[in-house]
Amino acid sequence: MSVPRLRPATPDDADELARLRWDFRVEHGTSVDRTFDEFLDEFHGFANEALAEGAPWRAWVAEDGDRLVGCLWFQLVEKVPHPSRRRWERPIGYVTNVYVESDLRNEGLGARLMDEALAFAREREVAEVVVWPSARSVSFYRRAGFGPEGAPLLLDLAGD
């Protein structure tokens, strides 16, 4: 297998991004209550909106040939207006769904995806980046520079 190439995701990646999302959630023990094709239909709607020009979402993918082998999703979250800042100035960044196929883990691919997202965040002058890691992924985020200082408090209303 060659070294996967990183690039921004586009709506054309929806099928592969849906497959990665499905694999990610199933691997983490999410119960499945519909078929992949039903999920794919819904995911297409999300990807077309989320990855449209000007949308607050971004995603980066790791591509090996014609197959995606990893991804990272990033959302810009607008802050309430501030007396000294304009709208969308210094937004919050939200990292989610960082996933690399199991046979490619621990080779730096996740870190490369995170580097892309954090470079975008710095370029966009994002104020802070938040993530809700699984217990297994805490060390990955710590290596990327995330720390407990100022960690957001979380009230899990959905339980999933």
Protein backbone atom coordinates (compact mmCIF):
# COMPACT_ATOMS: atom_id res chain seq x y z
CA MET A 1 0.00 0.00 0.00
CA SER A 2 1.32 3.45 -0.88
CA VAL A 3 1.42 6.44 1.45
CA PRO A 4 -2.12 7.85 1.48
CA ARG A 5 -2.57 11.32 0.01
CA LEU A 6 -4.42 13.92 2.10
CA ARG A 7 -6.89 16.34 0.56
CA PRO A 8 -10.06 18.25 1.42
CA ALA A 9 -13.22 16.18 1.09
CA THR A 10 -15.87 17.06 -1.49
CA PRO A 11 -19.51 16.01 -1.88
CA ASP A 12 -18.26 13.47 -4.46
CA ASP A 13 -16.66 11.59 -1.54
CA ALA A 14 -20.03 10.96 0.13
CA ASP A 15 -20.16 7.20 -0.54
CA GLU A 16 -16.69 6.59 0.87
CA LEU A 17 -17.20 9.01 3.78
CA ALA A 18 -20.44 7.21 4.64
CA ARG A 19 -18.60 3.88 4.62
CA LEU A 20 -15.91 5.26 6.94
CA ARG A 21 -18.54 6.77 9.27
CA TRP A 22 -20.46 3.48 9.36
CA ASP A 23 -17.29 1.51 10.10
CA PHE A 24 -16.25 4.00 12.78
CA ARG A 25 -19.57 3.81 14.64
CA VAL A 26 -19.92 0.01 14.33
CA GLU A 27 -16.34 -0.41 15.58
CA HIS A 28 -17.25 1.72 18.61
CA GLY A 29 -20.27 -0.46 19.41
CA THR A 30 -23.11 1.65 18.01
CA SER A 31 -26.17 -0.50 17.46
CA VAL A 32 -27.39 -0.54 13.87
CA ASP A 33 -31.12 -0.08 13.31
CA ARG A 34 -31.17 0.42 9.53
CA THR A 35 -29.42 -0.80 6.43
CA PHE A 36 -26.27 0.78 5.09
CA ASP A 37 -28.20 1.90 1.98
CA GLU A 38 -30.72 3.77 4.17
CA PHE A 39 -27.84 5.38 6.04
CA LEU A 40 -26.12 6.23 2.76
CA ASP A 41 -29.18 8.11 1.49
CA GLU A 42 -29.25 10.24 4.63
CA PHE A 43 -25.49 10.74 4.58
CA HIS A 44 -25.61 12.04 1.01
CA GLY A 45 -27.96 14.81 2.10
CA PHE A 46 -25.66 15.71 4.99
CA ALA A 47 -22.48 15.64 2.88
CA ASN A 48 -24.00 17.77 0.11
CA GLU A 49 -24.97 20.45 2.65
CA ALA A 50 -21.95 20.15 4.94
CA LEU A 51 -19.33 20.21 2.20
CA ALA A 52 -20.96 22.94 0.10
CA GLU A 53 -19.03 26.15 -0.50
CA GLY A 54 -19.42 28.49 2.47
CA ALA A 55 -20.77 25.84 4.87
CA PRO A 56 -19.27 25.75 8.37
CA TRP A 57 -18.13 22.13 7.97
CA ARG A 58 -14.85 20.94 6.50
CA ALA A 59 -13.49 17.42 6.16
CA TRP A 60 -10.14 16.04 5.15
CA VAL A 61 -9.62 12.59 3.75
CA ALA A 62 -6.73 10.19 3.37
CA GLU A 63 -6.90 8.59 -0.04
CA ASP A 64 -5.10 5.49 -1.23
CA GLY A 65 -5.80 5.08 -4.92
CA ASP A 66 -9.55 5.32 -5.39
CA ARG A 67 -10.32 4.36 -1.78
CA LEU A 68 -10.59 6.58 1.29
CA VAL A 69 -8.78 5.10 4.28
CA GLY A 70 -9.23 7.90 6.81
CA CYS A 71 -11.05 11.12 7.51
CA LEU A 72 -11.46 13.97 9.96
CA TRP A 73 -14.46 16.31 10.23
CA PHE A 74 -14.19 19.88 11.50
CA GLN A 75 -16.98 22.36 12.12
CA LEU A 76 -16.67 26.09 12.62
CA VAL A 77 -19.06 27.23 15.35
CA GLU A 78 -20.04 30.88 15.39
CA LYS A 79 -19.81 32.66 18.72
CA VAL A 80 -22.40 35.08 20.05
CA PRO A 81 -21.51 38.60 18.85
CA HIS A 82 -18.85 40.36 20.90
CA PRO A 83 -18.42 44.13 21.32
CA SER A 84 -14.92 44.03 19.83
CA ARG A 85 -15.32 41.34 17.15
CA ARG A 86 -17.34 40.88 14.01
CA ARG A 87 -19.51 37.87 13.31
CA TRP A 88 -17.49 34.74 12.55
CA GLU A 89 -14.34 36.39 13.88
CA ARG A 90 -12.42 33.90 16.05
CA PRO A 91 -15.00 31.08 15.91
CA ILE A 92 -14.78 27.85 17.86
CA GLY A 93 -13.58 24.73 16.07
CA TYR A 94 -15.11 21.32 16.69
CA VAL A 95 -13.20 18.18 15.67
CA THR A 96 -15.18 14.98 15.25
CA ASN A 97 -15.17 11.62 13.52
CA VAL A 98 -11.41 11.22 13.26
CA TYR A 99 -11.05 7.76 11.81
CA VAL A 100 -8.31 5.71 10.17
CA GLU A 101 -8.86 2.16 9.00
CA SER A 102 -7.46 -0.27 11.55
CA ASP A 103 -4.64 -1.68 9.40
CA LEU A 104 -3.20 1.84 8.92
CA ARG A 105 -3.32 3.02 12.52
CA ASN A 106 -0.24 4.00 14.53
CA GLU A 107 1.61 5.10 11.39
CA GLY A 108 0.94 8.85 11.72
CA LEU A 109 -1.99 9.11 9.33
CA GLY A 110 -4.38 10.40 12.01
CA ALA A 111 -1.77 12.96 13.07
CA ARG A 112 -1.41 14.11 9.47
CA LEU A 113 -5.17 14.59 9.21
CA MET A 114 -5.18 16.51 12.50
CA ASP A 115 -2.30 18.69 11.28
CA GLU A 116 -4.41 19.64 8.23
CA ALA A 117 -7.38 20.57 10.41
CA LEU A 118 -5.30 22.55 12.89
CA ALA A 119 -3.52 24.41 10.09
CA PHE A 120 -6.94 25.39 8.73
CA ALA A 121 -8.03 26.45 12.23
CA ARG A 122 -4.97 28.65 12.67
CA GLU A 123 -5.40 30.17 9.21
CA ARG A 124 -9.06 30.90 10.02
CA GLU A 125 -8.01 32.37 13.41
CA VAL A 126 -10.14 29.92 15.35
CA ALA A 127 -10.15 30.84 19.06
CA GLU A 128 -10.11 27.28 20.41
CA VAL A 129 -10.71 23.76 19.17
CA VAL A 130 -12.80 21.26 21.13
CA VAL A 131 -13.16 17.52 20.85
CA TRP A 132 -14.99 14.88 22.85
CA PRO A 133 -12.56 11.97 22.75
CA SER A 134 -13.27 8.37 23.51
CA ALA A 135 -11.19 6.91 26.34
CA ARG A 136 -9.11 5.12 23.70
CA SER A 137 -8.33 8.31 21.74
CA VAL A 138 -7.28 10.62 24.59
CA SER A 139 -3.57 9.97 24.03
CA PHE A 140 -3.94 10.78 20.32
CA TYR A 141 -5.46 14.18 21.13
CA ARG A 142 -2.89 14.87 23.85
CA ARG A 143 -0.10 14.27 21.29
CA ALA A 144 -1.83 16.80 19.02
CA GLY A 145 -1.65 19.40 21.79
CA PHE A 146 -5.09 19.09 23.38
CA GLY A 147 -5.02 19.26 27.15
CA PRO A 148 -7.25 19.25 30.18
CA GLU A 149 -6.78 22.96 30.80
CA GLY A 150 -10.04 24.77 30.25
CA ALA A 151 -11.75 21.56 29.13
CA PRO A 152 -15.45 22.09 28.47
CA LEU A 153 -17.92 20.58 30.88
CA LEU A 154 -20.30 18.11 29.27
CA LEU A 155 -23.83 17.10 30.20
CA ASP A 156 -24.60 14.04 28.08
CA LEU A 157 -28.34 14.29 27.43
CA ALA A 158 -28.53 11.61 24.74
CA GLY A 159 -26.38 8.95 26.41
CA ASP A 160 -24.69 7.87 23.21
